[in-house]
Amino acid sequence: MKGFISALWFALEALKACGVKPKCNVEISFTADEETDSRLGIG
C-alpha cells in the first residue's frame, strides 16, 4: 500500500506541475488495516 500511495501522490504532483486541471473533483481516500480483514479500516 505504501508504494501505491507514493506513486499516487507523485502522479498528482506531476499533473499539478504540468498545469493539468481535472474536469471534476479528485478525491482520494486511504484506509488502514487492509491486510487483516479491515477490522479497523473501512469494515
N, C-alpha and C. Protein backbone atom coordinates (compact mmCIF):
# COMPACT_ATOMS: atom_id res chain seq x y z
N MET A 1 0.81 -1.19 0.00
CA MET A 1 0.00 0.00 0.00
C MET A 1 0.86 1.26 0.00
N LYS A 2 2.00 1.22 0.68
CA LYS A 2 2.84 2.42 0.76
C LYS A 2 3.37 2.82 -0.62
N GLY A 3 3.70 1.84 -1.45
CA GLY A 3 4.18 2.14 -2.80
C GLY A 3 3.10 2.80 -3.64
N PHE A 4 1.88 2.31 -3.51
CA PHE A 4 0.76 2.89 -4.24
C PHE A 4 0.51 4.32 -3.81
N ILE A 5 0.54 4.57 -2.52
CA ILE A 5 0.30 5.93 -2.01
C ILE A 5 1.37 6.87 -2.54
N SER A 6 2.61 6.45 -2.52
CA SER A 6 3.70 7.27 -3.02
C SER A 6 3.54 7.55 -4.52
N ALA A 7 3.20 6.53 -5.30
CA ALA A 7 3.01 6.70 -6.74
C ALA A 7 1.84 7.63 -7.03
N LEU A 8 0.75 7.49 -6.30
CA LEU A 8 -0.41 8.34 -6.49
C LEU A 8 -0.07 9.79 -6.18
N TRP A 9 0.60 10.00 -5.07
CA TRP A 9 0.99 11.36 -4.66
C TRP A 9 1.88 12.00 -5.73
N PHE A 10 2.87 11.24 -6.22
CA PHE A 10 3.78 11.75 -7.25
C PHE A 10 3.01 12.09 -8.53
N ALA A 11 2.06 11.22 -8.92
CA ALA A 11 1.28 11.47 -10.13
C ALA A 11 0.45 12.74 -10.00
N LEU A 12 -0.17 12.95 -8.85
CA LEU A 12 -0.97 14.16 -8.64
C LEU A 12 -0.08 15.41 -8.66
N GLU A 13 1.08 15.33 -8.06
CA GLU A 13 2.02 16.46 -8.09
C GLU A 13 2.48 16.74 -9.51
N ALA A 14 2.74 15.69 -10.30
CA ALA A 14 3.17 15.86 -11.68
C ALA A 14 2.08 16.52 -12.52
N LEU A 15 0.83 16.10 -12.34
CA LEU A 15 -0.28 16.72 -13.06
C LEU A 15 -0.41 18.19 -12.70
N LYS A 16 -0.27 18.50 -11.42
CA LYS A 16 -0.34 19.88 -10.96
C LYS A 16 0.79 20.72 -11.57
N ALA A 17 2.00 20.16 -11.59
CA ALA A 17 3.16 20.86 -12.13
C ALA A 17 3.01 21.13 -13.63
N CYS A 18 2.31 20.24 -14.32
CA CYS A 18 2.09 20.39 -15.77
C CYS A 18 0.89 21.28 -16.08
N GLY A 19 0.18 21.71 -15.05
CA GLY A 19 -0.96 22.58 -15.24
C GLY A 19 -2.22 21.87 -15.69
N VAL A 20 -2.28 20.55 -15.50
CA VAL A 20 -3.47 19.79 -15.87
C VAL A 20 -4.56 20.05 -14.85
N LYS A 21 -5.73 20.44 -15.34
CA LYS A 21 -6.87 20.70 -14.46
C LYS A 21 -7.93 19.65 -14.75
N PRO A 22 -8.30 18.86 -13.74
CA PRO A 22 -9.32 17.83 -13.96
C PRO A 22 -10.69 18.45 -14.25
N LYS A 23 -11.52 17.72 -14.96
CA LYS A 23 -12.87 18.19 -15.28
C LYS A 23 -13.84 17.99 -14.12
N CYS A 24 -13.39 17.31 -13.09
CA CYS A 24 -14.22 17.07 -11.92
C CYS A 24 -13.32 17.08 -10.68
N ASN A 25 -13.91 17.04 -9.52
CA ASN A 25 -13.13 16.97 -8.28
C ASN A 25 -12.43 15.62 -8.18
N VAL A 26 -11.24 15.63 -7.65
CA VAL A 26 -10.49 14.40 -7.43
C VAL A 26 -10.46 14.15 -5.93
N GLU A 27 -10.99 13.02 -5.52
CA GLU A 27 -10.99 12.64 -4.11
C GLU A 27 -10.16 11.38 -3.93
N ILE A 28 -9.38 11.37 -2.87
CA ILE A 28 -8.55 10.21 -2.57
C ILE A 28 -8.83 9.80 -1.14
N SER A 29 -9.04 8.53 -0.95
CA SER A 29 -9.33 8.00 0.39
C SER A 29 -8.32 6.91 0.72
N PHE A 30 -7.75 6.99 1.88
CA PHE A 30 -6.79 5.99 2.33
C PHE A 30 -7.40 5.20 3.48
N THR A 31 -7.12 3.92 3.51
CA THR A 31 -7.69 3.05 4.53
C THR A 31 -6.59 2.27 5.23
N ALA A 32 -6.71 2.15 6.51
CA ALA A 32 -5.74 1.36 7.28
C ALA A 32 -6.22 -0.08 7.41
N ASP A 33 -5.30 -0.97 7.68
CA ASP A 33 -5.62 -2.34 8.08
C ASP A 33 -6.16 -3.21 6.95
N GLU A 34 -5.76 -2.93 5.69
CA GLU A 34 -6.29 -3.73 4.59
C GLU A 34 -5.76 -5.16 4.57
N GLU A 35 -4.67 -5.42 5.25
CA GLU A 35 -4.09 -6.77 5.23
C GLU A 35 -4.79 -7.75 6.17
N THR A 36 -5.51 -7.25 7.14
CA THR A 36 -6.11 -8.13 8.15
C THR A 36 -7.62 -7.95 8.22
N ASP A 37 -8.29 -8.17 7.11
CA ASP A 37 -9.75 -8.14 7.03
C ASP A 37 -10.39 -6.78 7.33
N SER A 38 -9.60 -5.75 7.37
CA SER A 38 -10.10 -4.37 7.56
C SER A 38 -10.95 -4.19 8.82
N ARG A 39 -10.64 -4.89 9.84
CA ARG A 39 -11.40 -4.74 11.08
C ARG A 39 -11.30 -3.34 11.65
N LEU A 40 -10.16 -2.69 11.43
CA LEU A 40 -10.00 -1.33 11.92
C LEU A 40 -10.16 -0.30 10.81
N GLY A 41 -10.28 -0.74 9.59
CA GLY A 41 -10.39 0.17 8.44
C GLY A 41 -11.82 0.40 8.02
N ILE A 42 -12.11 0.22 6.72
CA ILE A 42 -13.43 0.54 6.20
C ILE A 42 -14.52 -0.43 6.65
N GLY A 43 -14.14 -1.62 7.09
CA GLY A 43 -15.12 -2.61 7.51
C GLY A 43 -15.91 -2.16 8.68
